[in-house]
Each structure stands twice: as structure tokens, then as C-alpha cells.
């Protein structure tokens, strides 16, 4: 069987190009690879980006400006595994910039409504301890030192 490639396609109303640019500015080794624009007699405004092929740290994504029919929900999120608190703090702040919303247990929605989980790489190990699990349930942004203290 041939190698299977899976690429997430993110449906936006009209902000796909701005979202791709934003994500490429937040994550290292990211770039926009191609932008296909609506032409005459197409369903979107002529000249507006239709699809944006981009990479987040080498992982392929597509943003589609498909109109207002569909919205993101917390049913799908992207996990960012962070090595330390500085990395958690960086991604948490960057993704909340300009209108994102905090949720709980390391979850947030960025200004485009896409859900992210900003979590330490060791999270599953830490929350095996009931104290750490209870501490995590009270947090918005995860605090690694507090999770470690709660585990003892």
C-alpha cells in the first residue's frame, strides 16, 4: 500500500489567508506554499484567496475560504506539545493575541475560532497522579511547576 498523506483542511469564511499568515508567524519552520484565488464566474469574490496551502513546522495544511456555512468547534483541536513553561507561555500568548479566548485545561480558541491545546509534553505522565489531575482541572493555561507540585 502506498504512503498515505493526510492534510487538514480548515474552512474559513473569508479569513483563510490571514489565518495562514498568522499561523506561519507563530510557529517556526512554517511557510505559505501556494495561494489559489477565485477567478471570474467562481463562487467567491474575484481575486480573493480560495485555498491557501501552507505548512506549520513542516506539517501540511490547507485553508479554504468557503463562506459562512461552517464554523470551528472544540470537537476538533490541534495539540502543541511544549518542552517547558517558556514554550507553553509563548504559544499561549501568541495564539490568544488580538482576540483569542482562554478555555480550561490548556485549551484556547485563537482569533479565528480554531481550538488549540497548549500542553506540556509530560502531561499524560503528570495527570496520572490524582493531585495533578485535580490541579489541571482548575487551570486555564497549564502551569508545569504547579502540576509537578500537585503530584507530590
Protein backbone atom coordinates (compact mmCIF):
# COMPACT_ATOMS: atom_id res chain seq x y z
CA UNK A 1 0.00 0.00 0.00
CA UNK A 2 1.30 3.46 -0.87
CA UNK A 3 2.15 6.00 1.78
CA UNK A 4 -0.90 7.92 2.93
CA UNK A 5 -0.78 11.71 3.24
CA UNK A 6 -3.38 13.43 5.39
CA UNK A 7 -3.70 17.21 5.24
CA UNK A 8 -6.13 19.12 7.49
CA UNK A 9 -8.36 21.49 5.53
CA UNK A 10 -9.53 24.43 7.64
CA UNK A 11 -12.77 26.08 6.46
CA UNK A 12 -12.91 29.84 6.91
CA UNK A 13 -15.50 32.37 5.80
CA UNK A 14 -13.08 34.86 4.21
CA UNK A 15 -10.07 34.96 6.57
CA UNK A 16 -8.11 31.90 5.39
CA UNK A 17 -5.18 33.86 4.00
CA UNK A 18 -4.89 36.00 7.15
CA UNK A 19 -5.11 32.88 9.32
CA UNK A 20 -2.38 31.07 7.35
CA UNK A 21 -0.14 34.15 7.62
CA UNK A 22 -0.83 34.31 11.37
CA UNK A 23 -0.05 30.63 11.97
CA UNK A 24 3.14 30.92 9.90
CA UNK A 25 4.21 33.85 12.09
CA UNK A 26 3.56 31.92 15.33
CA UNK A 27 5.25 28.60 14.53
CA UNK A 28 8.86 28.05 13.43
CA UNK A 29 9.66 26.39 10.10
CA UNK A 30 6.31 27.46 8.66
CA UNK A 31 5.51 28.94 5.28
CA UNK A 32 2.79 29.63 2.76
CA UNK A 33 3.41 27.43 -0.25
CA UNK A 34 0.66 28.48 -2.65
CA UNK A 35 -2.44 30.66 -2.87
CA UNK A 36 -5.18 29.92 -5.42
CA UNK A 37 -7.54 32.83 -5.97
CA UNK A 38 -11.14 33.00 -7.10
CA UNK A 39 -11.47 33.97 -10.73
CA UNK A 40 -14.39 35.29 -12.75
CA UNK A 41 -17.59 33.24 -12.62
CA UNK A 42 -16.49 31.41 -9.46
CA UNK A 43 -18.46 31.32 -6.20
CA UNK A 44 -16.13 33.69 -4.29
CA UNK A 45 -15.19 37.32 -4.92
CA UNK A 46 -12.74 37.57 -7.82
CA UNK A 47 -9.18 37.93 -6.53
CA UNK A 48 -9.92 36.67 -3.01
CA UNK A 49 -7.90 33.70 -1.84
CA UNK A 50 -9.82 30.48 -2.40
CA UNK A 51 -7.30 27.99 -0.98
CA UNK A 52 -4.03 28.57 0.81
CA UNK A 53 -1.54 25.71 1.01
CA UNK A 54 0.77 26.23 3.97
CA UNK A 55 2.96 24.38 6.41
CA UNK A 56 3.11 24.63 10.18
CA UNK A 57 6.53 23.37 11.25
CA UNK A 58 6.67 21.22 8.13
CA UNK A 59 3.14 19.80 8.51
CA UNK A 60 0.81 20.47 5.56
CA UNK A 61 -2.43 22.41 5.95
CA UNK A 62 -4.96 23.96 3.60
CA UNK A 63 -7.09 26.98 4.43
CA UNK A 64 -10.27 27.27 2.38
CA UNK A 65 -12.32 30.43 2.12
CA UNK A 66 -15.62 28.64 1.66
CA UNK A 67 -18.11 31.09 3.12
CA UNK A 68 -20.02 31.39 6.39
CA UNK A 69 -21.77 27.99 6.32
CA UNK A 70 -19.41 26.18 8.74
CA UNK A 71 -17.70 27.25 11.96
CA UNK A 72 -14.97 25.67 14.05
CA UNK A 73 -15.87 23.92 17.29
CA UNK A 74 -13.94 22.42 20.18
CA UNK A 75 -14.75 18.98 18.77
CA UNK A 76 -11.51 19.34 16.77
CA UNK A 77 -8.35 20.92 18.14
CA UNK A 78 -4.63 20.90 17.47
CA UNK A 79 -2.25 19.90 20.25
CA UNK A 80 1.02 21.73 20.76
CA UNK A 81 3.37 19.67 22.91
CA UNK A 82 5.73 22.00 24.76
CA UNK A 83 9.03 21.05 26.39
CA UNK A 84 8.94 23.68 29.13
CA UNK A 85 6.93 26.52 30.68
CA UNK A 86 8.56 29.15 28.46
CA UNK A 87 7.26 27.32 25.39
CA UNK A 88 3.77 26.96 26.94
CA UNK A 89 3.77 30.69 27.75
CA UNK A 90 4.95 31.64 24.25
CA UNK A 91 2.32 29.68 22.32
CA UNK A 92 -0.43 30.53 24.79
CA UNK A 93 0.20 34.25 24.44
CA UNK A 94 0.77 34.18 20.69
CA UNK A 95 -2.41 32.26 19.92
CA UNK A 96 -4.53 34.41 22.23
CA UNK A 97 -3.28 37.66 20.64
CA UNK A 98 -5.79 40.03 19.12
CA UNK A 99 -8.99 38.37 20.28
CA UNK A 100 -8.40 34.73 21.20
CA UNK A 101 -10.27 33.19 24.14
CA UNK A 102 -8.96 31.12 27.02
CA UNK A 103 -10.76 27.94 27.89
CA UNK A 104 -9.69 25.42 30.53
CA UNK A 105 -7.11 22.65 30.95
CA UNK A 106 -4.70 24.17 28.41
CA UNK A 107 -7.31 24.78 25.70
CA UNK A 108 -7.87 28.05 23.87
CA UNK A 109 -9.51 29.39 20.74
CA UNK A 110 -7.50 31.75 18.56
CA UNK A 111 -8.92 34.90 16.98
CA UNK A 112 -10.19 32.81 14.05
CA UNK A 113 -12.08 30.42 16.34
CA UNK A 114 -9.71 27.45 15.88
CA UNK A 115 -9.11 25.40 19.04
CA UNK A 116 -5.65 24.56 20.32
CA UNK A 117 -4.33 22.61 23.29
CA UNK A 118 -1.08 24.08 24.61
CA UNK A 119 0.24 21.31 26.80
CA UNK A 120 3.50 20.07 28.28
CA UNK A 121 4.99 17.01 26.64
CA UNK A 122 4.79 15.27 30.04
CA UNK A 123 1.10 15.99 30.59
CA UNK A 124 -0.14 12.39 30.46
CA UNK A 125 2.58 11.32 32.90
CA UNK A 126 1.70 14.17 35.26
CA UNK A 127 -2.07 13.68 35.27
CA UNK A 128 -1.76 10.00 36.14
CA UNK A 129 -1.45 11.42 39.65
CA UNK A 130 -4.88 12.40 41.05
CA UNK A 131 -3.45 15.56 42.63
CA UNK A 132 -2.10 16.78 39.31
CA UNK A 133 -5.36 15.92 37.54
CA UNK A 134 -7.34 17.96 40.08
CA UNK A 135 -4.87 20.87 39.74
CA UNK A 136 -5.13 20.77 35.93
CA UNK A 137 -8.93 20.89 36.04
CA UNK A 138 -8.71 24.26 37.83
CA UNK A 139 -6.26 25.81 35.33
CA UNK A 140 -6.68 27.69 32.11
CA UNK A 141 -3.06 27.95 30.94
CA UNK A 142 -1.19 24.95 32.29
CA UNK A 143 1.49 25.62 34.90
CA UNK A 144 4.04 22.80 34.78
CA UNK A 145 5.57 23.61 38.18
CA UNK A 146 2.14 23.60 39.83
CA UNK A 147 1.24 20.29 38.17
CA UNK A 148 4.53 18.82 39.45
CA UNK A 149 3.89 20.16 42.99
CA UNK A 150 0.39 18.69 42.97
CA UNK A 151 1.83 15.29 42.01
CA UNK A 152 3.86 15.01 45.22
